[in-house]
């Protein structure tokens, strides 16, 4: 079950890291970095993240400082109860993110295609979980 959405304030978003009650305020760039760290297709090379788009599975490359052309995809949209939990977020090409939002996430656009939409969401959630990588702990972290 997905957690409730976390509000965005002043360009920062509170993000749950999959642990109840743990939410951090982060910028878009930080959020992109956090999602990339938890996606096993992504690697940091010479100041860039290189991995795969969650939607089309094509190559995705962006600058680690700015997030560049990467978009943050909420697999289950907010209007359907989706949250900013890292399990519900993936990185996509801007175009892929736009197309999913315009063609599928808008309720009036998916009339008569509910089963196709549910199948798409299931595919994306399954892909995100298959790619899941636990974030590395900071060197000073004493948590067990």
N, C-alpha and C. Protein backbone atom coordinates (compact mmCIF):
# COMPACT_ATOMS: atom_id res chain seq x y z
N UNK A 1 0.84 -1.17 0.00
CA UNK A 1 0.00 0.00 0.00
C UNK A 1 0.89 1.24 0.00
N UNK A 2 0.53 2.23 -0.81
CA UNK A 2 1.33 3.44 -0.91
C UNK A 2 0.96 4.43 0.18
N UNK A 3 1.94 5.17 0.63
CA UNK A 3 1.72 6.17 1.67
C UNK A 3 1.04 7.39 1.07
N UNK A 4 0.52 8.25 1.92
CA UNK A 4 -0.12 9.49 1.46
C UNK A 4 0.92 10.40 0.84
N UNK A 5 0.51 11.27 -0.10
CA UNK A 5 1.45 12.18 -0.74
C UNK A 5 2.09 13.13 0.27
N UNK A 6 3.29 13.53 -0.05
CA UNK A 6 4.01 14.50 0.77
C UNK A 6 4.01 15.83 0.04
N UNK A 7 3.66 16.94 0.71
CA UNK A 7 3.52 18.22 0.02
C UNK A 7 4.85 18.81 -0.43
N UNK A 8 4.77 19.61 -1.50
CA UNK A 8 5.93 20.33 -2.01
C UNK A 8 5.84 21.75 -1.48
N UNK A 9 6.96 22.28 -1.00
CA UNK A 9 7.01 23.65 -0.50
C UNK A 9 8.31 24.29 -0.92
N UNK A 10 8.23 25.49 -1.48
CA UNK A 10 9.40 26.28 -1.83
C UNK A 10 10.41 25.50 -2.69
N UNK A 11 9.92 24.72 -3.66
CA UNK A 11 10.81 23.97 -4.52
C UNK A 11 11.41 22.75 -3.87
N UNK A 12 11.00 22.45 -2.65
CA UNK A 12 11.49 21.27 -1.94
C UNK A 12 10.32 20.33 -1.72
N UNK A 13 10.60 19.09 -1.62
CA UNK A 13 9.57 18.07 -1.45
C UNK A 13 9.98 17.19 -0.29
N UNK A 14 8.99 16.79 0.51
CA UNK A 14 9.27 15.83 1.57
C UNK A 14 9.17 14.45 0.95
N UNK A 15 10.14 13.62 1.21
CA UNK A 15 10.21 12.32 0.58
C UNK A 15 10.36 11.23 1.62
N UNK A 16 9.53 10.21 1.50
CA UNK A 16 9.66 9.05 2.37
C UNK A 16 10.62 8.08 1.71
N UNK A 17 11.48 7.49 2.47
CA UNK A 17 12.44 6.53 1.94
C UNK A 17 11.97 5.10 2.16
N UNK A 18 10.66 4.91 2.17
CA UNK A 18 10.13 3.57 2.34
C UNK A 18 10.02 3.15 3.79
N UNK A 19 10.32 4.05 4.69
CA UNK A 19 10.24 3.75 6.11
C UNK A 19 9.17 4.65 6.72
N UNK A 20 8.14 4.09 7.35
CA UNK A 20 7.07 4.90 7.92
C UNK A 20 7.61 5.96 8.87
N UNK A 21 7.08 7.16 8.72
CA UNK A 21 7.45 8.25 9.61
C UNK A 21 8.74 8.96 9.24
N UNK A 22 9.49 8.47 8.23
CA UNK A 22 10.74 9.10 7.85
C UNK A 22 10.52 9.87 6.56
N UNK A 23 10.55 11.18 6.65
CA UNK A 23 10.40 12.01 5.47
C UNK A 23 11.43 13.12 5.53
N UNK A 24 12.08 13.40 4.42
CA UNK A 24 13.10 14.43 4.34
C UNK A 24 12.71 15.47 3.32
N UNK A 25 13.06 16.72 3.56
CA UNK A 25 12.80 17.77 2.57
C UNK A 25 13.99 17.84 1.63
N UNK A 26 13.73 17.69 0.33
CA UNK A 26 14.80 17.70 -0.65
C UNK A 26 14.40 18.51 -1.86
N UNK A 27 15.39 19.04 -2.58
CA UNK A 27 15.14 19.76 -3.83
C UNK A 27 14.93 18.75 -4.95
N UNK A 28 14.49 19.22 -6.10
CA UNK A 28 14.30 18.36 -7.27
C UNK A 28 15.60 17.64 -7.62
N UNK A 29 16.73 18.36 -7.60
CA UNK A 29 18.01 17.77 -7.93
C UNK A 29 18.39 16.67 -6.95
N UNK A 30 18.16 16.93 -5.66
CA UNK A 30 18.45 15.92 -4.64
C UNK A 30 17.54 14.71 -4.82
N UNK A 31 16.28 14.96 -5.15
CA UNK A 31 15.33 13.87 -5.34
C UNK A 31 15.74 13.00 -6.52
N UNK A 32 16.14 13.62 -7.62
CA UNK A 32 16.61 12.86 -8.78
C UNK A 32 17.80 12.00 -8.38
N UNK A 33 18.72 12.58 -7.62
CA UNK A 33 19.89 11.84 -7.15
C UNK A 33 19.46 10.64 -6.28
N UNK A 34 18.50 10.86 -5.37
CA UNK A 34 18.03 9.79 -4.50
C UNK A 34 17.37 8.67 -5.29
N UNK A 35 16.56 9.02 -6.29
CA UNK A 35 15.91 7.99 -7.10
C UNK A 35 16.97 7.22 -7.89
N UNK A 36 17.94 7.92 -8.47
CA UNK A 36 19.00 7.25 -9.23
C UNK A 36 19.79 6.30 -8.34
N UNK A 37 20.06 6.69 -7.11
CA UNK A 37 20.80 5.84 -6.18
C UNK A 37 20.07 4.54 -5.87
N UNK A 38 18.73 4.54 -6.01
CA UNK A 38 17.96 3.35 -5.68
C UNK A 38 17.53 2.57 -6.92
N UNK A 39 18.07 2.94 -8.08
CA UNK A 39 17.76 2.24 -9.34
C UNK A 39 19.03 1.56 -9.82
N UNK A 40 19.04 0.24 -9.84
CA UNK A 40 20.25 -0.52 -10.16
C UNK A 40 20.74 -0.34 -11.59
N UNK A 41 19.95 0.27 -12.47
CA UNK A 41 20.44 0.51 -13.83
C UNK A 41 21.33 1.74 -13.90
N UNK A 42 21.31 2.59 -12.85
CA UNK A 42 22.07 3.84 -12.89
C UNK A 42 23.43 3.72 -12.23
N UNK A 43 24.39 4.36 -12.87
CA UNK A 43 25.77 4.47 -12.38
C UNK A 43 26.22 5.92 -12.53
N UNK A 44 27.05 6.38 -11.61
CA UNK A 44 27.64 7.71 -11.72
C UNK A 44 28.97 7.59 -12.43
N UNK A 45 29.12 8.32 -13.52
CA UNK A 45 30.37 8.31 -14.29
C UNK A 45 30.69 9.73 -14.70
N UNK A 46 31.85 10.22 -14.27
CA UNK A 46 32.32 11.56 -14.65
C UNK A 46 31.26 12.65 -14.52
N UNK A 47 30.61 12.71 -13.37
CA UNK A 47 29.65 13.79 -13.11
C UNK A 47 28.29 13.59 -13.76
N UNK A 48 28.03 12.41 -14.28
CA UNK A 48 26.74 12.13 -14.88
C UNK A 48 26.16 10.84 -14.32
N UNK A 49 24.85 10.75 -14.32
CA UNK A 49 24.15 9.51 -14.03
C UNK A 49 23.81 8.89 -15.36
N UNK A 50 24.06 7.61 -15.51
CA UNK A 50 23.76 6.88 -16.74
C UNK A 50 22.98 5.64 -16.36
N UNK A 51 21.80 5.47 -16.95
CA UNK A 51 20.94 4.33 -16.65
C UNK A 51 19.88 4.16 -17.71
N UNK A 52 18.70 3.70 -17.27
CA UNK A 52 17.61 3.44 -18.21
C UNK A 52 16.33 4.13 -17.76
N UNK A 53 15.59 4.65 -18.73
CA UNK A 53 14.28 5.26 -18.51
C UNK A 53 13.33 4.18 -17.98
N UNK A 54 12.58 4.49 -16.95
CA UNK A 54 11.64 3.53 -16.39
C UNK A 54 10.53 3.17 -17.38
N UNK A 55 10.13 4.10 -18.20
CA UNK A 55 9.00 3.86 -19.10
C UNK A 55 9.40 3.14 -20.38
N UNK A 56 10.35 3.70 -21.14
CA UNK A 56 10.70 3.09 -22.43
C UNK A 56 11.87 2.12 -22.33
N UNK A 57 12.57 2.14 -21.21
CA UNK A 57 13.73 1.29 -20.96
C UNK A 57 14.93 1.67 -21.83
N UNK A 58 14.85 2.81 -22.49
CA UNK A 58 15.97 3.30 -23.30
C UNK A 58 17.02 3.98 -22.45
N UNK A 59 18.21 4.22 -23.02
CA UNK A 59 19.28 4.87 -22.26
C UNK A 59 18.89 6.27 -21.80
N UNK A 60 19.28 6.59 -20.58
CA UNK A 60 19.00 7.89 -19.98
C UNK A 60 20.28 8.38 -19.33
N UNK A 61 20.69 9.59 -19.68
CA UNK A 61 21.93 10.17 -19.16
C UNK A 61 21.65 11.62 -18.77
N UNK A 62 22.12 12.01 -17.59
CA UNK A 62 21.91 13.39 -17.16
C UNK A 62 22.99 13.82 -16.18
N UNK A 63 23.18 15.13 -16.08
CA UNK A 63 24.16 15.75 -15.19
C UNK A 63 23.72 15.56 -13.74
N UNK A 64 24.63 15.08 -12.89
CA UNK A 64 24.28 14.79 -11.50
C UNK A 64 23.95 16.04 -10.69
N UNK A 65 24.46 17.22 -11.09
CA UNK A 65 24.20 18.44 -10.32
C UNK A 65 22.84 19.03 -10.62
N UNK A 66 22.40 18.97 -11.86
CA UNK A 66 21.17 19.66 -12.25
C UNK A 66 20.00 18.73 -12.53
N UNK A 67 20.26 17.48 -12.80
CA UNK A 67 19.18 16.57 -13.19
C UNK A 67 18.88 16.64 -14.67
N UNK A 68 19.36 17.70 -15.32
CA UNK A 68 19.26 17.84 -16.76
C UNK A 68 17.92 17.44 -17.35
N UNK A 69 17.95 16.52 -18.28
CA UNK A 69 16.76 16.10 -19.02
C UNK A 69 16.01 14.94 -18.37
N UNK A 70 16.31 14.63 -17.15
CA UNK A 70 15.60 13.56 -16.46
C UNK A 70 14.32 14.10 -15.83
N UNK A 71 13.30 13.28 -15.82
CA UNK A 71 12.04 13.62 -15.17
C UNK A 71 11.79 12.61 -14.05
N UNK A 72 11.12 13.06 -13.02
CA UNK A 72 10.73 12.17 -11.93
C UNK A 72 9.31 11.69 -12.23
N UNK A 73 9.16 10.39 -12.39
CA UNK A 73 7.86 9.79 -12.68
C UNK A 73 7.24 9.24 -11.42
N UNK A 74 6.04 9.70 -11.10
CA UNK A 74 5.24 9.10 -10.03
C UNK A 74 4.45 7.99 -10.70
N UNK A 75 4.79 6.76 -10.44
CA UNK A 75 4.15 5.64 -11.12
C UNK A 75 2.64 5.66 -10.86
N UNK A 76 2.27 5.67 -9.60
CA UNK A 76 0.87 5.86 -9.23
C UNK A 76 0.72 7.37 -9.01
N UNK A 77 -0.05 8.06 -9.85
CA UNK A 77 -0.18 9.52 -9.73
C UNK A 77 -0.79 9.94 -8.40
N UNK A 78 -0.51 11.15 -8.00
CA UNK A 78 -1.06 11.69 -6.75
C UNK A 78 -2.58 11.60 -6.72
N UNK A 79 -3.23 11.92 -7.83
CA UNK A 79 -4.70 11.93 -7.87
C UNK A 79 -5.28 10.54 -7.61
N UNK A 80 -4.45 9.51 -7.72
CA UNK A 80 -4.90 8.14 -7.45
C UNK A 80 -4.33 7.63 -6.13
N UNK A 81 -3.79 8.54 -5.31
CA UNK A 81 -3.26 8.16 -4.01
C UNK A 81 -1.78 7.86 -4.00
N UNK A 82 -1.09 8.10 -5.12
CA UNK A 82 0.35 7.88 -5.18
C UNK A 82 1.10 8.89 -4.33
N UNK A 83 2.28 8.50 -3.92
CA UNK A 83 3.08 9.34 -3.02
C UNK A 83 4.46 9.60 -3.61
N UNK A 84 5.26 10.30 -2.84
CA UNK A 84 6.65 10.55 -3.20
C UNK A 84 7.57 9.54 -2.52
N UNK A 85 7.04 8.43 -2.11
CA UNK A 85 7.85 7.33 -1.57
C UNK A 85 8.78 6.87 -2.69
N UNK A 86 10.02 6.61 -2.39
CA UNK A 86 10.98 6.22 -3.42
C UNK A 86 10.56 4.98 -4.20
N UNK A 87 9.75 4.11 -3.61
CA UNK A 87 9.26 2.93 -4.34
C UNK A 87 8.29 3.33 -5.45
N UNK A 88 7.69 4.51 -5.35
CA UNK A 88 6.72 4.98 -6.34
C UNK A 88 7.34 5.94 -7.34
N UNK A 89 8.62 6.21 -7.23
CA UNK A 89 9.28 7.18 -8.12
C UNK A 89 10.28 6.48 -9.03
N UNK A 90 10.33 6.93 -10.26
CA UNK A 90 11.31 6.43 -11.22
C UNK A 90 11.83 7.58 -12.05
N UNK A 91 12.93 7.36 -12.73
CA UNK A 91 13.49 8.37 -13.62
C UNK A 91 13.16 8.04 -15.06
N UNK A 92 12.77 9.07 -15.80
CA UNK A 92 12.37 8.89 -17.18
C UNK A 92 12.90 10.02 -18.05
N UNK A 93 12.82 9.81 -19.36
CA UNK A 93 13.05 10.91 -20.29
C UNK A 93 11.90 11.91 -20.09
N UNK A 94 12.16 13.17 -20.35
CA UNK A 94 11.10 14.18 -20.23
C UNK A 94 9.92 13.82 -21.13
N UNK A 95 10.20 13.38 -22.35
CA UNK A 95 9.15 13.05 -23.32
C UNK A 95 8.31 11.86 -22.84
N UNK A 96 8.96 10.83 -22.34
CA UNK A 96 8.22 9.66 -21.84
C UNK A 96 7.31 10.04 -20.68
N UNK A 97 7.81 10.88 -19.78
CA UNK A 97 7.03 11.33 -18.64
C UNK A 97 5.82 12.13 -19.11
N UNK A 98 6.05 13.02 -20.06
CA UNK A 98 4.97 13.84 -20.61
C UNK A 98 3.90 12.96 -21.25
N UNK A 99 4.32 12.01 -22.07
CA UNK A 99 3.37 11.13 -22.77
C UNK A 99 2.54 10.31 -21.80
N UNK A 100 3.16 9.75 -20.77
CA UNK A 100 2.38 8.98 -19.78
C UNK A 100 1.37 9.89 -19.11
N UNK A 101 1.80 11.07 -18.72
CA UNK A 101 0.88 12.00 -18.05
C UNK A 101 -0.27 12.42 -18.95
N UNK A 102 0.05 12.76 -20.18
CA UNK A 102 -0.97 13.27 -21.10
C UNK A 102 -1.90 12.17 -21.61
N UNK A 103 -1.36 10.99 -21.88
CA UNK A 103 -2.15 9.92 -22.48
C UNK A 103 -2.81 8.98 -21.48
N UNK A 104 -2.24 8.85 -20.30
CA UNK A 104 -2.74 7.84 -19.37
C UNK A 104 -3.20 8.38 -18.02
N UNK A 105 -2.44 9.30 -17.43
CA UNK A 105 -2.76 9.73 -16.06
C UNK A 105 -3.99 10.63 -16.00
N UNK A 106 -4.32 11.28 -17.07
CA UNK A 106 -5.51 12.14 -17.13
C UNK A 106 -6.74 11.24 -17.27
N UNK A 107 -7.64 11.23 -16.28
CA UNK A 107 -8.78 10.30 -16.29
C UNK A 107 -9.60 10.32 -17.58
N UNK A 108 -9.86 11.50 -18.13
CA UNK A 108 -10.72 11.56 -19.33
C UNK A 108 -10.03 10.93 -20.55
N UNK A 109 -8.71 10.83 -20.55
CA UNK A 109 -7.99 10.27 -21.69
C UNK A 109 -7.96 8.75 -21.68
N UNK A 110 -8.17 8.14 -20.52
CA UNK A 110 -8.06 6.69 -20.46
C UNK A 110 -9.42 5.99 -20.42
N UNK A 111 -10.49 6.74 -20.67
CA UNK A 111 -11.83 6.12 -20.69
C UNK A 111 -11.85 4.95 -21.65
N UNK A 112 -12.40 3.86 -21.20
CA UNK A 112 -12.48 2.67 -22.04
C UNK A 112 -11.19 1.87 -22.10
N UNK A 113 -10.14 2.38 -21.43
CA UNK A 113 -8.85 1.68 -21.46
C UNK A 113 -8.33 1.44 -20.04
N UNK A 114 -9.23 1.23 -19.11
CA UNK A 114 -8.86 1.08 -17.71
C UNK A 114 -7.94 -0.12 -17.51
N UNK A 115 -8.25 -1.24 -18.11
CA UNK A 115 -7.41 -2.44 -17.94
C UNK A 115 -6.01 -2.21 -18.52
N UNK A 116 -5.92 -1.51 -19.65
CA UNK A 116 -4.60 -1.20 -20.23
C UNK A 116 -3.80 -0.31 -19.29
N UNK A 117 -4.49 0.67 -18.68
CA UNK A 117 -3.82 1.58 -17.75
C UNK A 117 -3.33 0.83 -16.52
N UNK A 118 -4.18 -0.02 -15.97
CA UNK A 118 -3.77 -0.81 -14.80
C UNK A 118 -2.59 -1.71 -15.14
N UNK A 119 -2.58 -2.26 -16.35
CA UNK A 119 -1.47 -3.09 -16.80
C UNK A 119 -0.18 -2.28 -16.90
N UNK A 120 -0.29 -1.05 -17.41
CA UNK A 120 0.87 -0.16 -17.50
C UNK A 120 1.43 0.12 -16.12
N UNK A 121 0.57 0.47 -15.17
CA UNK A 121 1.03 0.77 -13.81
C UNK A 121 1.68 -0.45 -13.17
N UNK A 122 1.09 -1.61 -13.37
CA UNK A 122 1.65 -2.85 -12.82
C UNK A 122 3.03 -3.10 -13.42
N UNK A 123 3.16 -2.92 -14.72
CA UNK A 123 4.46 -3.11 -15.39
C UNK A 123 5.51 -2.17 -14.83
N UNK A 124 5.15 -0.89 -14.67
CA UNK A 124 6.11 0.10 -14.16
C UNK A 124 6.48 -0.17 -12.71
N UNK A 125 5.51 -0.53 -11.88
CA UNK A 125 5.81 -0.86 -10.48
C UNK A 125 6.69 -2.10 -10.39
N UNK A 126 6.40 -3.09 -11.21
CA UNK A 126 7.21 -4.32 -11.22
C UNK A 126 8.63 -4.01 -11.67
N UNK A 127 8.76 -3.19 -12.70
CA UNK A 127 10.09 -2.81 -13.20
C UNK A 127 10.85 -2.04 -12.13
N UNK A 128 10.19 -1.10 -11.46
CA UNK A 128 10.85 -0.29 -10.42
C UNK A 128 11.34 -1.19 -9.28
N UNK A 129 10.51 -2.11 -8.87
CA UNK A 129 10.92 -3.00 -7.78
C UNK A 129 12.03 -3.95 -8.20
N UNK A 130 12.01 -4.39 -9.44
CA UNK A 130 13.07 -5.27 -9.94
C UNK A 130 14.41 -4.53 -10.01
N UNK A 131 14.36 -3.24 -10.23
CA UNK A 131 15.57 -2.42 -10.31
C UNK A 131 16.02 -1.89 -8.95
N UNK A 132 15.22 -2.10 -7.92
CA UNK A 132 15.50 -1.49 -6.61
C UNK A 132 16.88 -1.86 -6.11
N UNK A 133 17.57 -0.85 -5.62
CA UNK A 133 18.88 -1.03 -4.99
C UNK A 133 18.83 -0.24 -3.69
N UNK A 134 19.16 -0.91 -2.61
CA UNK A 134 19.18 -0.22 -1.32
C UNK A 134 20.23 0.89 -1.38
N UNK A 135 19.87 2.09 -0.91
CA UNK A 135 20.86 3.17 -0.92
C UNK A 135 22.02 2.83 0.02
N UNK A 136 23.22 3.18 -0.40
CA UNK A 136 24.41 2.94 0.42
C UNK A 136 24.33 3.83 1.66
N UNK A 137 24.77 3.30 2.78
CA UNK A 137 24.81 4.08 4.00
C UNK A 137 25.98 5.03 4.01
N UNK A 138 25.78 6.16 4.65
CA UNK A 138 26.88 7.10 4.81
C UNK A 138 27.93 6.48 5.72
N UNK A 139 29.23 6.82 5.54
CA UNK A 139 30.29 6.22 6.34
C UNK A 139 30.10 6.35 7.84
N UNK A 140 29.45 7.44 8.31
CA UNK A 140 29.26 7.67 9.74
C UNK A 140 27.99 7.03 10.29
N UNK A 141 27.21 6.39 9.44
CA UNK A 141 25.94 5.80 9.84
C UNK A 141 26.19 4.56 10.69
N UNK A 142 25.68 4.56 11.93
CA UNK A 142 25.88 3.46 12.85
C UNK A 142 24.64 2.56 12.95
N UNK A 143 23.65 2.78 12.05
CA UNK A 143 22.42 2.01 12.08
C UNK A 143 22.69 0.56 11.69
N UNK A 144 22.02 -0.38 12.36
CA UNK A 144 22.19 -1.80 12.00
C UNK A 144 20.97 -2.34 11.35
